[in-house]
C-alpha atoms as a PDB file:
ATOM      1  CA  MET A   1      15.327 -11.208 -25.800  1.00  0.00           C
ATOM      2  CA  ALA A   2      12.150 -12.632 -24.336  1.00  0.00           C
ATOM      3  CA  ILE A   3      10.796 -11.392 -21.024  1.00  0.00           C
ATOM      4  CA  PRO A   4       9.956 -14.216 -18.616  1.00  0.00           C
ATOM      5  CA  SER A   5       6.237 -14.663 -18.062  1.00  0.00           C
ATOM      6  CA  ASN A   6       6.699 -14.653 -14.288  1.00  0.00           C
ATOM      7  CA  ALA A   7       8.347 -11.218 -14.244  1.00  0.00           C
ATOM      8  CA  VAL A   8       6.898  -8.845 -11.681  1.00  0.00           C
ATOM      9  CA  GLU A   9       5.286  -5.762 -13.153  1.00  0.00           C
ATOM     10  CA  ARG A  10       6.659  -2.556 -11.598  1.00  0.00           C
ATOM     11  CA  ARG A  11       4.264   0.270 -10.914  1.00  0.00           C
ATOM     12  CA  SER A  12       4.548   3.485  -8.985  1.00  0.00           C
ATOM     13  CA  LEU A  13       2.694   4.216  -5.781  1.00  0.00           C
ATOM     14  CA  THR A  14      -0.392   6.395  -5.918  1.00  0.00           C
ATOM     15  CA  PHE A  15      -1.193   9.301  -3.605  1.00  0.00           C
ATOM     16  CA  PRO A  16      -3.796   7.277  -1.633  1.00  0.00           C
ATOM     17  CA  GLN A  17      -1.288   4.433  -1.162  1.00  0.00           C
ATOM     18  CA  VAL A  18       1.365   6.829   0.136  1.00  0.00           C
ATOM     19  CA  ALA A  19      -1.159   8.494   2.458  1.00  0.00           C
ATOM     20  CA  LEU A  20      -2.273   5.100   3.765  1.00  0.00           C
ATOM     21  CA  ALA A  21       1.333   4.023   4.326  1.00  0.00           C
ATOM     22  CA  LEU A  22       1.935   7.247   6.257  1.00  0.00           C
ATOM     23  CA  GLN A  23      -1.166   6.593   8.358  1.00  0.00           C
ATOM     24  CA  THR A  24      -0.036   3.031   9.121  1.00  0.00           C
ATOM     25  CA  LEU A  25       3.441   4.245  10.067  1.00  0.00           C
ATOM     26  CA  ALA A  26       1.965   6.947  12.314  1.00  0.00           C
ATOM     27  CA  ILE A  27      -0.210   4.400  14.129  1.00  0.00           C
ATOM     28  CA  PHE A  28       2.828   2.154  14.621  1.00  0.00           C
ATOM     29  CA  PHE A  29       4.728   5.164  16.004  1.00  0.00           C
ATOM     30  CA  GLN A  30       1.866   5.685  18.453  1.00  0.00           C
ATOM     31  CA  ALA A  31       2.199   2.114  19.691  1.00  0.00           C
ATOM     32  CA  THR A  32       5.917   2.652  20.228  1.00  0.00           C
ATOM     33  CA  THR A  33       5.460   5.919  22.069  1.00  0.00           C
ATOM     34  CA  ALA A  34       2.710   4.392  24.215  1.00  0.00           C
ATOM     35  CA  GLY A  35       5.365   2.144  25.710  1.00  0.00           C
ATOM     36  CA  LEU A  36       7.640   5.148  26.201  1.00  0.00           C
ATOM     37  CA  LEU A  37       4.757   6.974  27.847  1.00  0.00           C
ATOM     38  CA  LEU A  38       4.833   4.413  30.643  1.00  0.00           C
ATOM     39  CA  SER A  39       8.597   4.322  31.096  1.00  0.00           C
ATOM     40  CA  THR A  40      10.113   7.758  30.340  1.00  0.00           C
ATOM     41  CA  ASP A  41       9.501  11.426  31.017  1.00  0.00           C
ATOM     42  CA  TYR A  42       9.440  12.417  27.340  1.00  0.00           C
ATOM     43  CA  GLY A  43       7.077   9.631  26.253  1.00  0.00           C
ATOM     44  CA  GLY A  44       4.001  11.757  26.872  1.00  0.00           C
ATOM     45  CA  THR A  45       5.304  14.521  24.628  1.00  0.00           C
ATOM     46  CA  LEU A  46       6.142  12.101  21.820  1.00  0.00           C
ATOM     47  CA  HIS A  47       2.768  10.382  22.132  1.00  0.00           C
ATOM     48  CA  GLY A  48       0.969  13.743  22.013  1.00  0.00           C
ATOM     49  CA  VAL A  49       2.860  14.864  18.912  1.00  0.00           C
ATOM     50  CA  GLY A  50       2.317  11.443  17.327  1.00  0.00           C
ATOM     51  CA  ALA A  51      -1.416  11.715  17.988  1.00  0.00           C
ATOM     52  CA  ARG A  52      -1.574  14.925  15.998  1.00  0.00           C
ATOM     53  CA  VAL A  53       0.458  13.407  13.158  1.00  0.00           C
ATOM     54  CA  MET A  54      -1.726  10.276  13.125  1.00  0.00           C
ATOM     55  CA  TYR A  55      -4.907  12.358  13.013  1.00  0.00           C
ATOM     56  CA  GLY A  56      -3.446  14.493  10.215  1.00  0.00           C
ATOM     57  CA  ALA A  57      -2.428  11.352   8.327  1.00  0.00           C
ATOM     58  CA  SER A  58      -5.996  10.049   8.623  1.00  0.00           C
ATOM     59  CA  MET A  59      -7.313  13.319   7.185  1.00  0.00           C
ATOM     60  CA  LEU A  60      -4.715  13.172   4.407  1.00  0.00           C
ATOM     61  CA  TYR A  61      -5.778   9.615   3.554  1.00  0.00           C
ATOM     62  CA  LEU A  62      -9.423  10.722   3.311  1.00  0.00           C
ATOM     63  CA  LEU A  63      -8.453  13.650   1.091  1.00  0.00           C
ATOM     64  CA  ALA A  64      -6.339  11.383  -1.134  1.00  0.00           C
ATOM     65  CA  ALA A  65      -9.149   8.837  -1.413  1.00  0.00           C
ATOM     66  CA  ILE A  66     -11.658  11.536  -2.368  1.00  0.00           C
ATOM     67  CA  LEU A  67      -9.292  13.053  -4.943  1.00  0.00           C
ATOM     68  CA  ALA A  68      -8.663   9.629  -6.498  1.00  0.00           C
ATOM     69  CA  TRP A  69     -12.369   8.789  -6.555  1.00  0.00           C
ATOM     70  CA  ARG A  70     -13.985  11.981  -7.861  1.00  0.00           C
ATOM     71  CA  PRO A  71     -12.174  12.824 -11.091  1.00  0.00           C
ATOM     72  CA  GLY A  72     -11.723   9.327 -12.449  1.00  0.00           C
ATOM     73  CA  GLY A  73     -14.917   7.805 -11.159  1.00  0.00           C
ATOM     74  CA  GLY A  74     -12.952   5.104  -9.364  1.00  0.00           C
ATOM     75  CA  PRO A  75     -14.356   2.886  -6.634  1.00  0.00           C
ATOM     76  CA  ALA A  76     -15.844   4.577  -3.581  1.00  0.00           C
ATOM     77  CA  ARG A  77     -14.651   1.855  -1.185  1.00  0.00           C
ATOM     78  CA  PRO A  78     -11.361   3.625  -0.286  1.00  0.00           C
ATOM     79  CA  VAL A  79     -13.369   6.738   0.610  1.00  0.00           C
ATOM     80  CA  LEU A  80     -15.504   4.646   2.959  1.00  0.00           C
ATOM     81  CA  TYR A  81     -12.414   3.068   4.518  1.00  0.00           C
ATOM     82  CA  ALA A  82     -10.753   6.457   4.966  1.00  0.00           C
ATOM     83  CA  THR A  83     -13.915   7.904   6.519  1.00  0.00           C
ATOM     84  CA  GLY A  84     -14.031   4.981   8.933  1.00  0.00           C
ATOM     85  CA  PHE A  85     -10.386   5.513   9.878  1.00  0.00           C
ATOM     86  CA  LEU A  86     -10.995   9.192  10.522  1.00  0.00           C
ATOM     87  CA  ALA A  87     -13.999   8.338  12.720  1.00  0.00           C
ATOM     88  CA  LEU A  88     -11.917   5.789  14.650  1.00  0.00           C
ATOM     89  CA  ALA A  89      -9.104   8.332  14.997  1.00  0.00           C
ATOM     90  CA  SER A  90     -11.589  10.855  16.399  1.00  0.00           C
ATOM     91  CA  VAL A  91     -12.830   8.348  18.967  1.00  0.00           C
ATOM     92  CA  GLN A  92      -9.216   7.465  19.756  1.00  0.00           C
ATOM     93  CA  VAL A  93      -8.348  11.111  20.458  1.00  0.00           C
ATOM     94  CA  VAL A  94     -11.372  11.517  22.739  1.00  0.00           C
ATOM     95  CA  LEU A  95     -10.474   8.350  24.656  1.00  0.00           C
ATOM     96  CA  GLY A  96      -6.854   9.445  24.971  1.00  0.00           C
ATOM     97  CA  VAL A  97      -7.765  12.883  26.296  1.00  0.00           C
ATOM     98  CA  ALA A  98     -10.205  11.253  28.746  1.00  0.00           C
ATOM     99  CA  HIS A  99      -7.407   8.899  29.942  1.00  0.00           C
ATOM    100  CA  GLU A 100      -9.394   5.740  29.229  1.00  0.00           C
ATOM    101  CA  PRO A 101      -6.642   3.194  28.478  1.00  0.00           C
ATOM    102  CA  ALA A 102      -9.047   0.237  28.794  1.00  0.00           C
ATOM    103  CA  LEU A 103     -10.714   1.394  25.549  1.00  0.00           C
ATOM    104  CA  HIS A 104      -7.914   3.499  24.046  1.00  0.00           C
ATOM    105  CA  VAL A 105      -5.343   0.685  23.790  1.00  0.00           C
ATOM    106  CA  PRO A 106      -7.563  -2.001  22.178  1.00  0.00           C
ATOM    107  CA  LEU A 107      -8.918   0.562  19.713  1.00  0.00           C
ATOM    108  CA  GLY A 108      -5.349   1.501  18.786  1.00  0.00           C
ATOM    109  CA  VAL A 109      -4.498  -2.158  18.164  1.00  0.00           C
ATOM    110  CA  LEU A 110      -7.632  -2.526  16.040  1.00  0.00           C
ATOM    111  CA  MET A 111      -6.765   0.595  14.049  1.00  0.00           C
ATOM    112  CA  PHE A 112      -3.241  -0.663  13.372  1.00  0.00           C
ATOM    113  CA  GLY A 113      -4.536  -4.034  12.202  1.00  0.00           C
ATOM    114  CA  LEU A 114      -7.172  -2.475   9.953  1.00  0.00           C
ATOM    115  CA  SER A 115      -4.666  -0.030   8.536  1.00  0.00           C
ATOM    116  CA  LEU A 116      -2.258  -2.875   7.736  1.00  0.00           C
ATOM    117  CA  LEU A 117      -5.046  -4.835   6.059  1.00  0.00           C
ATOM    118  CA  ASP A 118      -6.088  -1.821   4.015  1.00  0.00           C
ATOM    119  CA  LEU A 119      -2.478  -1.123   3.070  1.00  0.00           C
ATOM    120  CA  GLY A 120      -2.020  -4.728   1.941  1.00  0.00           C
ATOM    121  CA  ARG A 121      -5.206  -4.521  -0.104  1.00  0.00           C
ATOM    122  CA  GLY A 122      -4.164  -1.214  -1.611  1.00  0.00           C
ATOM    123  CA  LEU A 123      -0.753  -2.514  -2.614  1.00  0.00           C
ATOM    124  CA  GLY A 124      -2.234  -5.666  -4.094  1.00  0.00           C
ATOM    125  CA  LEU A 125      -0.598  -8.006  -1.595  1.00  0.00           C
ATOM    126  CA  GLY A 126      -3.814  -9.977  -1.178  1.00  0.00           C
ATOM    127  CA  ARG A 127      -3.944 -11.145  -4.797  1.00  0.00           C
ATOM    128  CA  ALA A 128      -3.128 -14.723  -5.630  1.00  0.00           C
ATOM    129  CA  VAL A 129       0.184 -15.249  -7.383  1.00  0.00           C
ATOM    130  CA  ARG A 130      -0.062 -17.382 -10.519  1.00  0.00           C
END
C-alpha cells in the first residue's frame, strides 16, 4: 500500500522544545494570575509562585538549549534566544519586586509574544507547506 505524498511526518518533541513550551505556558499563567492579582486576595500568592516557576522554566530552557547545542554541535541560535529570555525574565522579576507595572506589564506581553514565536519556530510551524 502506497503512502500518500502529503502525509505528515510524525516526530517526537525534543528537550528544548518541551522546556520552551513549559516557559510559554508559565508566562501565560503569569498573565492570568496578573488579572487575579487585581481582583482577588489569593492572586498575589499565585502570581508570586508563578514568577518563580516562570524564572525556573527560563533557566531550564537555557540548560536544554546548551545541552542540545554542545554535544551535537547544533546551531547556537537557541542558546542565544534562551539567554535573552533569561535576561528578560531577570528584568521582569526586578520590575515586579519594584512594583513598576508601567514597565512590568508591557515586558510581560513582549515576553509572551517572543516565547510564542520561538515555540512556533522550534516546532516548525513557520515552514511553508507544500
